[in-house]
């Protein structure tokens, strides 16, 4: 039987690790065969592996590009079976420009790890922000 509270706690830990820039903790929450997909045809869009996500997180953690770090805030969780759906927002500032985004993220938990992650966002806004 799936433990919905454990799955929600795992996803909450994912947000904490991302916001804390804790790459190793984040990696410990993910299945080795993670399937991470981001909506859209832009520099972050498409499918990514755990190894690729680790590299992206290291680049962000080591980067000085953010004036105010990007922070993801979960707004609401819905859990059913292996799936945890999250509505979230983000804020940050880069090169004096504020960034705010709204997301829907779908996490699929298998064997106590995030195995699948789908991220939906306003891709036009993200592309324009990160391309300028």
N, C-alpha and C. Protein backbone atom coordinates (compact mmCIF):
# COMPACT_ATOMS: atom_id res chain seq x y z
N UNK A 1 0.84 -1.19 0.00
CA UNK A 1 0.00 0.00 0.00
C UNK A 1 0.89 1.25 0.00
N UNK A 2 0.49 2.25 -0.73
CA UNK A 2 1.23 3.49 -0.82
C UNK A 2 0.97 4.35 0.40
N UNK A 3 2.04 4.92 0.94
CA UNK A 3 1.93 5.82 2.08
C UNK A 3 1.89 7.25 1.55
N UNK A 4 0.68 7.82 1.46
CA UNK A 4 0.52 9.15 0.86
C UNK A 4 1.28 10.21 1.63
N UNK A 5 1.27 10.13 2.98
CA UNK A 5 1.99 11.13 3.77
C UNK A 5 3.49 11.05 3.53
N UNK A 6 4.02 9.84 3.41
CA UNK A 6 5.45 9.69 3.12
C UNK A 6 5.79 10.26 1.75
N UNK A 7 4.93 10.04 0.77
CA UNK A 7 5.17 10.58 -0.56
C UNK A 7 5.14 12.11 -0.54
N UNK A 8 4.18 12.69 0.18
CA UNK A 8 4.12 14.16 0.27
C UNK A 8 5.35 14.70 1.00
N UNK A 9 5.80 14.02 2.04
CA UNK A 9 7.00 14.47 2.76
C UNK A 9 8.23 14.41 1.86
N UNK A 10 8.31 13.36 1.05
CA UNK A 10 9.42 13.25 0.11
C UNK A 10 9.42 14.43 -0.86
N UNK A 11 8.26 14.77 -1.38
CA UNK A 11 8.17 15.90 -2.32
C UNK A 11 8.47 17.22 -1.61
N UNK A 12 8.01 17.38 -0.37
CA UNK A 12 8.37 18.58 0.39
C UNK A 12 9.88 18.67 0.57
N UNK A 13 10.52 17.52 0.83
CA UNK A 13 11.98 17.49 0.97
C UNK A 13 12.65 17.89 -0.34
N UNK A 14 12.04 17.52 -1.48
CA UNK A 14 12.58 17.91 -2.79
C UNK A 14 12.62 19.44 -2.89
N UNK A 15 11.52 20.10 -2.52
CA UNK A 15 11.48 21.56 -2.57
C UNK A 15 12.53 22.17 -1.63
N UNK A 16 12.67 21.62 -0.45
CA UNK A 16 13.66 22.13 0.51
C UNK A 16 15.07 22.00 -0.05
N UNK A 17 15.38 20.86 -0.65
CA UNK A 17 16.72 20.65 -1.22
C UNK A 17 16.98 21.59 -2.38
N UNK A 18 16.00 21.76 -3.26
CA UNK A 18 16.16 22.69 -4.39
C UNK A 18 16.38 24.11 -3.87
N UNK A 19 15.54 24.56 -2.96
CA UNK A 19 15.66 25.93 -2.45
C UNK A 19 16.93 26.15 -1.66
N UNK A 20 17.44 25.10 -1.02
CA UNK A 20 18.68 25.22 -0.26
C UNK A 20 19.93 25.02 -1.09
N UNK A 21 19.75 24.71 -2.38
CA UNK A 21 20.90 24.47 -3.24
C UNK A 21 21.68 23.23 -2.82
N UNK A 22 21.02 22.31 -2.12
CA UNK A 22 21.66 21.10 -1.60
C UNK A 22 21.57 19.98 -2.64
N UNK A 23 22.53 19.98 -3.54
CA UNK A 23 22.52 19.07 -4.68
C UNK A 23 22.57 17.61 -4.23
N UNK A 24 23.43 17.31 -3.27
CA UNK A 24 23.56 15.91 -2.82
C UNK A 24 22.29 15.41 -2.15
N UNK A 25 21.66 16.24 -1.34
CA UNK A 25 20.39 15.84 -0.72
C UNK A 25 19.33 15.61 -1.80
N UNK A 26 19.29 16.52 -2.78
CA UNK A 26 18.33 16.37 -3.87
C UNK A 26 18.55 15.04 -4.60
N UNK A 27 19.79 14.73 -4.90
CA UNK A 27 20.08 13.50 -5.62
C UNK A 27 19.66 12.27 -4.80
N UNK A 28 19.76 12.34 -3.49
CA UNK A 28 19.38 11.21 -2.64
C UNK A 28 17.87 10.94 -2.66
N UNK A 29 17.09 11.92 -3.10
CA UNK A 29 15.63 11.79 -3.15
C UNK A 29 15.15 11.22 -4.48
N UNK A 30 16.05 11.11 -5.44
CA UNK A 30 15.68 10.74 -6.81
C UNK A 30 16.11 9.32 -7.15
N UNK A 31 15.27 8.62 -7.90
CA UNK A 31 15.61 7.30 -8.40
C UNK A 31 16.76 7.44 -9.41
N UNK A 32 17.60 6.41 -9.49
CA UNK A 32 18.72 6.45 -10.43
C UNK A 32 18.27 6.61 -11.87
N UNK A 33 17.10 6.03 -12.19
CA UNK A 33 16.58 6.12 -13.56
C UNK A 33 15.51 7.21 -13.70
N UNK A 34 15.68 8.30 -12.95
CA UNK A 34 14.74 9.43 -12.98
C UNK A 34 14.40 9.82 -14.41
N UNK A 35 13.13 10.11 -14.64
CA UNK A 35 12.65 10.64 -15.91
C UNK A 35 12.07 12.02 -15.60
N UNK A 36 12.86 13.06 -15.89
CA UNK A 36 12.48 14.45 -15.59
C UNK A 36 12.18 15.15 -16.91
N UNK A 37 10.98 15.71 -17.01
CA UNK A 37 10.55 16.37 -18.24
C UNK A 37 10.04 17.77 -17.90
N UNK A 38 10.48 18.74 -18.68
CA UNK A 38 10.03 20.13 -18.54
C UNK A 38 9.32 20.52 -19.83
N UNK A 39 8.16 21.15 -19.70
CA UNK A 39 7.37 21.55 -20.86
C UNK A 39 8.13 22.55 -21.73
N UNK A 40 7.87 22.48 -23.03
CA UNK A 40 8.30 23.53 -23.93
C UNK A 40 9.56 23.25 -24.71
N UNK A 41 9.72 24.07 -25.75
CA UNK A 41 10.87 24.01 -26.63
C UNK A 41 11.74 25.22 -26.32
N UNK A 42 12.54 25.11 -25.27
CA UNK A 42 13.45 26.17 -24.83
C UNK A 42 14.64 25.49 -24.17
N UNK A 43 15.59 26.27 -23.66
CA UNK A 43 16.84 25.69 -23.19
C UNK A 43 16.68 24.67 -22.05
N UNK A 44 15.63 24.75 -21.24
CA UNK A 44 15.40 23.79 -20.17
C UNK A 44 14.38 22.73 -20.55
N UNK A 45 13.68 22.92 -21.66
CA UNK A 45 12.60 22.02 -22.05
C UNK A 45 13.09 20.64 -22.46
N UNK A 46 12.18 19.68 -22.33
CA UNK A 46 12.47 18.33 -22.77
C UNK A 46 12.78 17.39 -21.62
N UNK A 47 13.28 16.21 -22.00
CA UNK A 47 13.59 15.15 -21.03
C UNK A 47 15.01 15.29 -20.52
N UNK A 48 15.17 14.97 -19.23
CA UNK A 48 16.48 15.02 -18.59
C UNK A 48 16.65 13.81 -17.67
N UNK A 49 17.87 13.35 -17.55
CA UNK A 49 18.19 12.26 -16.64
C UNK A 49 18.60 12.81 -15.29
N UNK A 50 18.79 11.93 -14.33
CA UNK A 50 19.28 12.34 -13.01
C UNK A 50 20.65 13.00 -13.12
N UNK A 51 21.51 12.45 -13.95
CA UNK A 51 22.85 13.02 -14.14
C UNK A 51 22.75 14.43 -14.71
N UNK A 52 21.87 14.62 -15.70
CA UNK A 52 21.70 15.95 -16.30
C UNK A 52 21.11 16.93 -15.29
N UNK A 53 20.15 16.48 -14.49
CA UNK A 53 19.57 17.35 -13.47
C UNK A 53 20.63 17.74 -12.45
N UNK A 54 21.48 16.81 -12.07
CA UNK A 54 22.57 17.11 -11.13
C UNK A 54 23.46 18.22 -11.69
N UNK A 55 23.83 18.11 -12.95
CA UNK A 55 24.68 19.14 -13.58
C UNK A 55 23.98 20.49 -13.60
N UNK A 56 22.68 20.50 -13.93
CA UNK A 56 21.93 21.77 -13.94
C UNK A 56 21.91 22.39 -12.55
N UNK A 57 21.68 21.56 -11.53
CA UNK A 57 21.62 22.06 -10.15
C UNK A 57 22.97 22.60 -9.69
N UNK A 58 24.05 21.92 -10.06
CA UNK A 58 25.39 22.40 -9.71
C UNK A 58 25.65 23.74 -10.36
N UNK A 59 25.29 23.88 -11.63
CA UNK A 59 25.49 25.16 -12.32
C UNK A 59 24.72 26.27 -11.64
N UNK A 60 23.47 26.00 -11.27
CA UNK A 60 22.65 27.01 -10.60
C UNK A 60 23.23 27.34 -9.23
N UNK A 61 23.62 26.31 -8.47
CA UNK A 61 24.15 26.51 -7.12
C UNK A 61 25.45 27.32 -7.14
N UNK A 62 26.28 27.10 -8.16
CA UNK A 62 27.57 27.78 -8.24
C UNK A 62 27.49 29.11 -8.98
N UNK A 63 26.38 29.36 -9.62
CA UNK A 63 26.23 30.56 -10.44
C UNK A 63 25.99 31.78 -9.59
N UNK A 64 26.52 32.87 -10.06
CA UNK A 64 26.29 34.17 -9.41
C UNK A 64 25.28 35.00 -10.23
N UNK A 65 24.55 34.32 -11.15
CA UNK A 65 23.65 35.05 -12.05
C UNK A 65 22.43 35.61 -11.33
N UNK A 66 22.04 35.01 -10.21
CA UNK A 66 20.84 35.47 -9.51
C UNK A 66 21.19 36.55 -8.50
N UNK A 67 20.53 37.71 -8.60
CA UNK A 67 20.67 38.76 -7.58
C UNK A 67 19.96 38.30 -6.31
N UNK A 68 18.78 37.74 -6.51
CA UNK A 68 17.99 37.14 -5.43
C UNK A 68 17.68 35.72 -5.91
N UNK A 69 18.15 34.71 -5.16
CA UNK A 69 18.01 33.33 -5.65
C UNK A 69 16.57 32.96 -5.98
N UNK A 70 16.44 32.09 -6.98
CA UNK A 70 15.13 31.56 -7.35
C UNK A 70 14.63 30.68 -6.21
N UNK A 71 13.43 30.93 -5.75
CA UNK A 71 12.83 30.16 -4.67
C UNK A 71 11.51 29.59 -5.16
N UNK A 72 11.37 28.27 -5.03
CA UNK A 72 10.13 27.58 -5.38
C UNK A 72 9.29 27.41 -4.12
N UNK A 73 8.02 27.80 -4.21
CA UNK A 73 7.12 27.70 -3.07
C UNK A 73 5.93 26.83 -3.43
N UNK A 74 5.82 25.65 -2.78
CA UNK A 74 4.64 24.83 -3.02
C UNK A 74 3.41 25.49 -2.42
N UNK A 75 2.33 25.52 -3.17
CA UNK A 75 1.09 26.17 -2.73
C UNK A 75 0.07 25.13 -2.27
N UNK A 76 -0.02 24.03 -3.02
CA UNK A 76 -1.00 22.99 -2.69
C UNK A 76 -0.49 21.64 -3.16
N UNK A 77 -0.78 20.61 -2.36
CA UNK A 77 -0.40 19.23 -2.68
C UNK A 77 -1.66 18.39 -2.82
N UNK A 78 -1.67 17.49 -3.79
CA UNK A 78 -2.70 16.47 -3.90
C UNK A 78 -1.99 15.15 -4.14
N UNK A 79 -2.30 14.16 -3.29
CA UNK A 79 -1.62 12.87 -3.41
C UNK A 79 -2.64 11.76 -3.62
N UNK A 80 -2.31 10.87 -4.53
CA UNK A 80 -3.13 9.70 -4.79
C UNK A 80 -2.22 8.61 -5.32
N UNK A 81 -2.22 7.47 -4.67
CA UNK A 81 -1.35 6.38 -5.10
C UNK A 81 0.10 6.83 -5.09
N UNK A 82 0.81 6.57 -6.18
CA UNK A 82 2.22 6.95 -6.30
C UNK A 82 2.42 8.40 -6.72
N UNK A 83 1.33 9.09 -7.02
CA UNK A 83 1.41 10.43 -7.62
C UNK A 83 1.18 11.53 -6.59
N UNK A 84 2.03 12.55 -6.68
CA UNK A 84 1.86 13.76 -5.88
C UNK A 84 1.86 14.92 -6.86
N UNK A 85 0.74 15.64 -6.92
CA UNK A 85 0.62 16.82 -7.77
C UNK A 85 0.82 18.06 -6.91
N UNK A 86 1.58 19.01 -7.42
CA UNK A 86 1.89 20.21 -6.65
C UNK A 86 1.65 21.44 -7.52
N UNK A 87 0.90 22.38 -6.96
CA UNK A 87 0.84 23.72 -7.53
C UNK A 87 1.91 24.51 -6.81
N UNK A 88 2.72 25.26 -7.56
CA UNK A 88 3.82 26.00 -6.95
C UNK A 88 4.02 27.33 -7.66
N UNK A 89 4.73 28.20 -6.99
CA UNK A 89 5.13 29.48 -7.57
C UNK A 89 6.63 29.64 -7.35
N UNK A 90 7.22 30.57 -8.07
CA UNK A 90 8.63 30.89 -7.83
C UNK A 90 8.82 32.39 -7.94
N UNK A 91 9.85 32.85 -7.26
CA UNK A 91 10.29 34.24 -7.37
C UNK A 91 11.81 34.25 -7.37
N UNK A 92 12.36 35.26 -7.96
CA UNK A 92 13.80 35.46 -7.98
C UNK A 92 14.10 36.73 -8.74
N UNK A 93 15.37 37.10 -8.77
CA UNK A 93 15.79 38.30 -9.50
C UNK A 93 17.14 38.03 -10.14
N UNK A 94 17.25 38.40 -11.42
CA UNK A 94 18.49 38.21 -12.16
C UNK A 94 18.77 39.47 -12.98
N UNK A 95 19.98 39.96 -12.86
CA UNK A 95 20.39 41.14 -13.62
C UNK A 95 19.41 42.29 -13.42
N UNK A 96 18.90 42.41 -12.19
CA UNK A 96 17.98 43.49 -11.86
C UNK A 96 16.55 43.27 -12.33
N UNK A 97 16.27 42.12 -12.94
CA UNK A 97 14.92 41.82 -13.41
C UNK A 97 14.29 40.77 -12.51
N UNK A 98 13.05 41.03 -12.10
CA UNK A 98 12.33 40.07 -11.27
C UNK A 98 11.74 38.96 -12.13
N UNK A 99 11.75 37.76 -11.57
CA UNK A 99 11.18 36.60 -12.24
C UNK A 99 10.14 35.99 -11.31
N UNK A 100 8.97 35.74 -11.84
CA UNK A 100 7.90 35.06 -11.10
C UNK A 100 7.26 34.07 -12.05
N UNK A 101 6.97 32.89 -11.54
CA UNK A 101 6.44 31.83 -12.38
C UNK A 101 5.41 31.03 -11.59
N UNK A 102 4.52 30.40 -12.31
CA UNK A 102 3.53 29.49 -11.73
C UNK A 102 3.74 28.13 -12.36
N UNK A 103 3.69 27.08 -11.54
CA UNK A 103 3.98 25.73 -12.00
C UNK A 103 2.88 24.76 -11.60
N UNK A 104 2.81 23.69 -12.35
CA UNK A 104 2.16 22.47 -11.90
C UNK A 104 3.21 21.39 -12.07
N UNK A 105 3.48 20.66 -11.00
CA UNK A 105 4.49 19.61 -11.04
C UNK A 105 3.84 18.30 -10.64
N UNK A 106 4.16 17.27 -11.38
CA UNK A 106 3.66 15.94 -11.06
C UNK A 106 4.85 15.06 -10.72
N UNK A 107 4.87 14.55 -9.50
CA UNK A 107 5.89 13.64 -9.02
C UNK A 107 5.30 12.24 -8.95
N UNK A 108 6.03 11.25 -9.43
CA UNK A 108 5.64 9.86 -9.27
C UNK A 108 6.71 9.22 -8.40
N UNK A 109 6.28 8.66 -7.26
CA UNK A 109 7.19 8.09 -6.28
C UNK A 109 7.13 6.57 -6.39
N UNK A 110 8.30 5.98 -6.51
CA UNK A 110 8.42 4.52 -6.54
C UNK A 110 9.55 4.11 -5.61
N UNK A 111 9.27 3.15 -4.73
CA UNK A 111 10.28 2.65 -3.80
C UNK A 111 10.92 3.78 -2.97
N UNK A 112 10.11 4.76 -2.58
CA UNK A 112 10.58 5.83 -1.72
C UNK A 112 11.43 6.89 -2.39
N UNK A 113 11.47 6.92 -3.72
CA UNK A 113 12.25 7.91 -4.47
C UNK A 113 11.39 8.52 -5.56
N UNK A 114 11.72 9.74 -5.95
CA UNK A 114 11.04 10.37 -7.08
C UNK A 114 11.56 9.69 -8.35
N UNK A 115 10.67 9.01 -9.06
CA UNK A 115 11.05 8.28 -10.27
C UNK A 115 10.71 9.07 -11.53
N UNK A 116 9.63 9.83 -11.47
CA UNK A 116 9.17 10.63 -12.62
C UNK A 116 8.81 12.01 -12.11
N UNK A 117 9.22 13.03 -12.84
CA UNK A 117 8.85 14.40 -12.51
C UNK A 117 8.49 15.11 -13.79
N UNK A 118 7.30 15.68 -13.82
CA UNK A 118 6.81 16.46 -14.95
C UNK A 118 6.58 17.89 -14.47
N UNK A 119 7.13 18.86 -15.19
CA UNK A 119 7.06 20.26 -14.79
C UNK A 119 6.39 21.08 -15.89
N UNK A 120 5.27 21.68 -15.55
CA UNK A 120 4.51 22.52 -16.48
C UNK A 120 4.59 23.96 -16.00
N UNK A 121 4.87 24.89 -16.91
CA UNK A 121 5.04 26.29 -16.57
C UNK A 121 4.77 27.14 -17.80
N UNK A 122 4.78 28.44 -17.61
CA UNK A 122 4.61 29.36 -18.73
C UNK A 122 5.94 29.42 -19.48
N UNK A 123 6.06 28.60 -20.50
CA UNK A 123 7.34 28.47 -21.20
C UNK A 123 7.72 29.73 -21.97
N UNK A 124 6.75 30.45 -22.48
CA UNK A 124 7.05 31.69 -23.21
C UNK A 124 7.70 32.70 -22.26
N UNK A 125 7.12 32.83 -21.07
CA UNK A 125 7.67 33.75 -20.06
C UNK A 125 9.09 33.32 -19.68
N UNK A 126 9.30 32.02 -19.43
CA UNK A 126 10.62 31.52 -19.03
C UNK A 126 11.63 31.75 -20.15
N UNK A 127 11.27 31.42 -21.38
CA UNK A 127 12.18 31.59 -22.51
C UNK A 127 12.59 33.06 -22.66
N UNK A 128 11.60 33.95 -22.61
CA UNK A 128 11.90 35.38 -22.77
C UNK A 128 12.79 35.90 -21.65
N UNK A 129 12.52 35.45 -20.43
CA UNK A 129 13.31 35.90 -19.28
C UNK A 129 14.76 35.42 -19.39
N UNK A 130 14.93 34.12 -19.63
CA UNK A 130 16.28 33.55 -19.64
C UNK A 130 17.06 33.83 -20.91
N UNK A 131 16.38 34.28 -21.95
CA UNK A 131 17.05 34.60 -23.20
C UNK A 131 17.49 36.06 -23.30
N UNK A 132 17.01 36.88 -22.39
CA UNK A 132 17.36 38.31 -22.49
C UNK A 132 18.56 38.67 -21.66
